Every structure is written in structure tokens, then in C-alpha cells.
Amino acid sequence: MKVNETEEEVLRMAGRALNEKLKSFKELYHTDDRQDLLAMVAFDSLLQKLKNDISSANVETNINDKIGYLNTLISKSIS
């Protein structure tokens, strides 16, 4: 696999995280089936990403609401 030097460390970190998740699921579900383990890791990773996306969207909405409120306060105090 060819990668840019700037991405190399991130890929190494991803590889370590993947191996840790594989090991964790292997111990948790007592299976050596690599395909099953990879499917579980893929599903778990997607689930985490979706949770993070929802959380980020909620934070962004909250920030936008607060900025809108502050803009309203500032506009009222200027007028």
C-alpha cells in the first residue's frame, strides 16, 4: 500500500486500532473466524462514526442557536 508520508502515522494508528478491536471482539465472542470479526469491527466502526456525526451535528446546532441568540442581544442593545 502506497501512502503519503503525512498519512503514514494516521494509517499506523488505524492499523493498531483495528488490531485492538479484532482482539477485543475475538475475546468477547470467542471466535477465530476472521471474516466475522472483520464484519463486527466494520459495523462497530460505522456505528461509532454515526454517533460522532450525530453528536457533532447537535453541537453545531447548539452553537448556531447560541450565536443567533447573542446576535439578537447585540442587535437589541445597539438599536
C-alpha atoms as a PDB file:
ATOM      1  CA  MET A   1       0.000   0.000   0.000  1.00  0.00           C
ATOM      2  CA  LYS A   2       1.473   3.351  -1.035  1.00  0.00           C
ATOM      3  CA  VAL A   3       0.694   6.344   1.151  1.00  0.00           C
ATOM      4  CA  ASN A   4       1.925   9.886   1.578  1.00  0.00           C
ATOM      5  CA  GLU A   5       4.352  10.443   4.414  1.00  0.00           C
ATOM      6  CA  THR A   6       1.843  12.783   6.019  1.00  0.00           C
ATOM      7  CA  GLU A   7      -0.740   9.970   6.191  1.00  0.00           C
ATOM      8  CA  GLU A   8       1.626   7.235   7.321  1.00  0.00           C
ATOM      9  CA  GLU A   9       1.274   7.811  11.066  1.00  0.00           C
ATOM     10  CA  VAL A  10      -2.517   8.028  10.842  1.00  0.00           C
ATOM     11  CA  LEU A  11      -2.600   4.731   8.942  1.00  0.00           C
ATOM     12  CA  ARG A  12      -0.359   3.107  11.538  1.00  0.00           C
ATOM     13  CA  MET A  13      -2.704   4.332  14.272  1.00  0.00           C
ATOM     14  CA  ALA A  14      -5.681   2.958  12.324  1.00  0.00           C
ATOM     15  CA  GLY A  15      -3.927  -0.389  11.979  1.00  0.00           C
ATOM     16  CA  ARG A  16      -3.234  -0.565  15.693  1.00  0.00           C
ATOM     17  CA  ALA A  17      -6.849   0.360  16.495  1.00  0.00           C
ATOM     18  CA  LEU A  18      -8.112  -2.268  14.045  1.00  0.00           C
ATOM     19  CA  ASN A  19      -5.936  -4.956  15.601  1.00  0.00           C
ATOM     20  CA  GLU A  20      -7.106  -3.977  19.090  1.00  0.00           C
ATOM     21  CA  LYS A  21     -10.761  -4.158  18.055  1.00  0.00           C
ATOM     22  CA  LEU A  22     -10.206  -7.516  16.354  1.00  0.00           C
ATOM     23  CA  LYS A  23      -8.547  -8.857  19.503  1.00  0.00           C
ATOM     24  CA  SER A  24     -11.329  -7.452  21.689  1.00  0.00           C
ATOM     25  CA  PHE A  25     -14.127  -8.981  19.596  1.00  0.00           C
ATOM     26  CA  LYS A  26     -12.224 -12.279  19.349  1.00  0.00           C
ATOM     27  CA  GLU A  27     -12.057 -12.499  23.141  1.00  0.00           C
ATOM     28  CA  LEU A  28     -15.597 -11.209  23.669  1.00  0.00           C
ATOM     29  CA  TYR A  29     -17.303 -13.561  21.187  1.00  0.00           C
ATOM     30  CA  HIS A  30     -14.833 -16.487  21.364  1.00  0.00           C
ATOM     31  CA  THR A  31     -14.435 -16.803  17.609  1.00  0.00           C
ATOM     32  CA  ASP A  32     -11.455 -17.099  15.307  1.00  0.00           C
ATOM     33  CA  ASP A  33     -13.443 -16.521  12.111  1.00  0.00           C
ATOM     34  CA  ARG A  34     -11.572 -13.587  10.590  1.00  0.00           C
ATOM     35  CA  GLN A  35     -14.454 -12.664   8.277  1.00  0.00           C
ATOM     36  CA  ASP A  36     -16.937 -12.495  11.165  1.00  0.00           C
ATOM     37  CA  LEU A  37     -14.501 -10.477  13.254  1.00  0.00           C
ATOM     38  CA  LEU A  38     -13.858  -8.017  10.430  1.00  0.00           C
ATOM     39  CA  ALA A  39     -17.610  -7.639   9.855  1.00  0.00           C
ATOM     40  CA  MET A  40     -18.142  -6.913  13.556  1.00  0.00           C
ATOM     41  CA  VAL A  41     -15.319  -4.358  13.565  1.00  0.00           C
ATOM     42  CA  ALA A  42     -16.696  -2.704  10.411  1.00  0.00           C
ATOM     43  CA  PHE A  43     -20.185  -2.497  11.902  1.00  0.00           C
ATOM     44  CA  ASP A  44     -18.886  -1.187  15.229  1.00  0.00           C
ATOM     45  CA  SER A  45     -16.726   1.407  13.471  1.00  0.00           C
ATOM     46  CA  LEU A  46     -19.643   2.609  11.365  1.00  0.00           C
ATOM     47  CA  LEU A  47     -21.838   2.812  14.452  1.00  0.00           C
ATOM     48  CA  GLN A  48     -19.224   4.932  16.241  1.00  0.00           C
ATOM     49  CA  LYS A  49     -18.894   7.205  13.204  1.00  0.00           C
ATOM     50  CA  LEU A  50     -22.654   7.718  13.024  1.00  0.00           C
ATOM     51  CA  LYS A  51     -22.804   8.506  16.747  1.00  0.00           C
ATOM     52  CA  ASN A  52     -19.980  11.013  16.336  1.00  0.00           C
ATOM     53  CA  ASP A  53     -21.707  12.593  13.319  1.00  0.00           C
ATOM     54  CA  ILE A  54     -24.941  12.989  15.281  1.00  0.00           C
ATOM     55  CA  SER A  55     -23.072  14.425  18.246  1.00  0.00           C
ATOM     56  CA  SER A  56     -21.204  16.873  16.010  1.00  0.00           C
ATOM     57  CA  ALA A  57     -24.450  17.945  14.357  1.00  0.00           C
ATOM     58  CA  ASN A  58     -26.025  18.522  17.773  1.00  0.00           C
ATOM     59  CA  VAL A  59     -23.042  20.578  18.920  1.00  0.00           C
ATOM     60  CA  GLU A  60     -23.134  22.612  15.704  1.00  0.00           C
ATOM     61  CA  THR A  61     -26.864  23.261  16.106  1.00  0.00           C
ATOM     62  CA  ASN A  62     -26.344  24.293  19.721  1.00  0.00           C
ATOM     63  CA  ILE A  63     -23.531  26.664  18.764  1.00  0.00           C
ATOM     64  CA  ASN A  64     -25.585  28.185  15.945  1.00  0.00           C
ATOM     65  CA  ASP A  65     -28.530  28.683  18.307  1.00  0.00           C
ATOM     66  CA  LYS A  66     -26.307  30.445  20.850  1.00  0.00           C
ATOM     67  CA  ILE A  67     -24.716  32.631  18.187  1.00  0.00           C
ATOM     68  CA  GLY A  68     -28.183  33.584  16.954  1.00  0.00           C
ATOM     69  CA  TYR A  69     -29.239  34.460  20.486  1.00  0.00           C
ATOM     70  CA  LEU A  70     -26.104  36.560  21.031  1.00  0.00           C
ATOM     71  CA  ASN A  71     -26.663  38.331  17.706  1.00  0.00           C
ATOM     72  CA  THR A  72     -30.198  39.152  18.801  1.00  0.00           C
ATOM     73  CA  LEU A  73     -28.956  40.537  22.120  1.00  0.00           C
ATOM     74  CA  ILE A  74     -26.293  42.626  20.401  1.00  0.00           C
ATOM     75  CA  SER A  75     -28.758  43.931  17.823  1.00  0.00           C
ATOM     76  CA  LYS A  76     -31.214  44.924  20.547  1.00  0.00           C
ATOM     77  CA  SER A  77     -28.532  46.703  22.566  1.00  0.00           C
ATOM     78  CA  ILE A  78     -27.272  48.631  19.529  1.00  0.00           C
ATOM     79  CA  SER A  79     -30.747  49.765  18.455  1.00  0.00           C
END
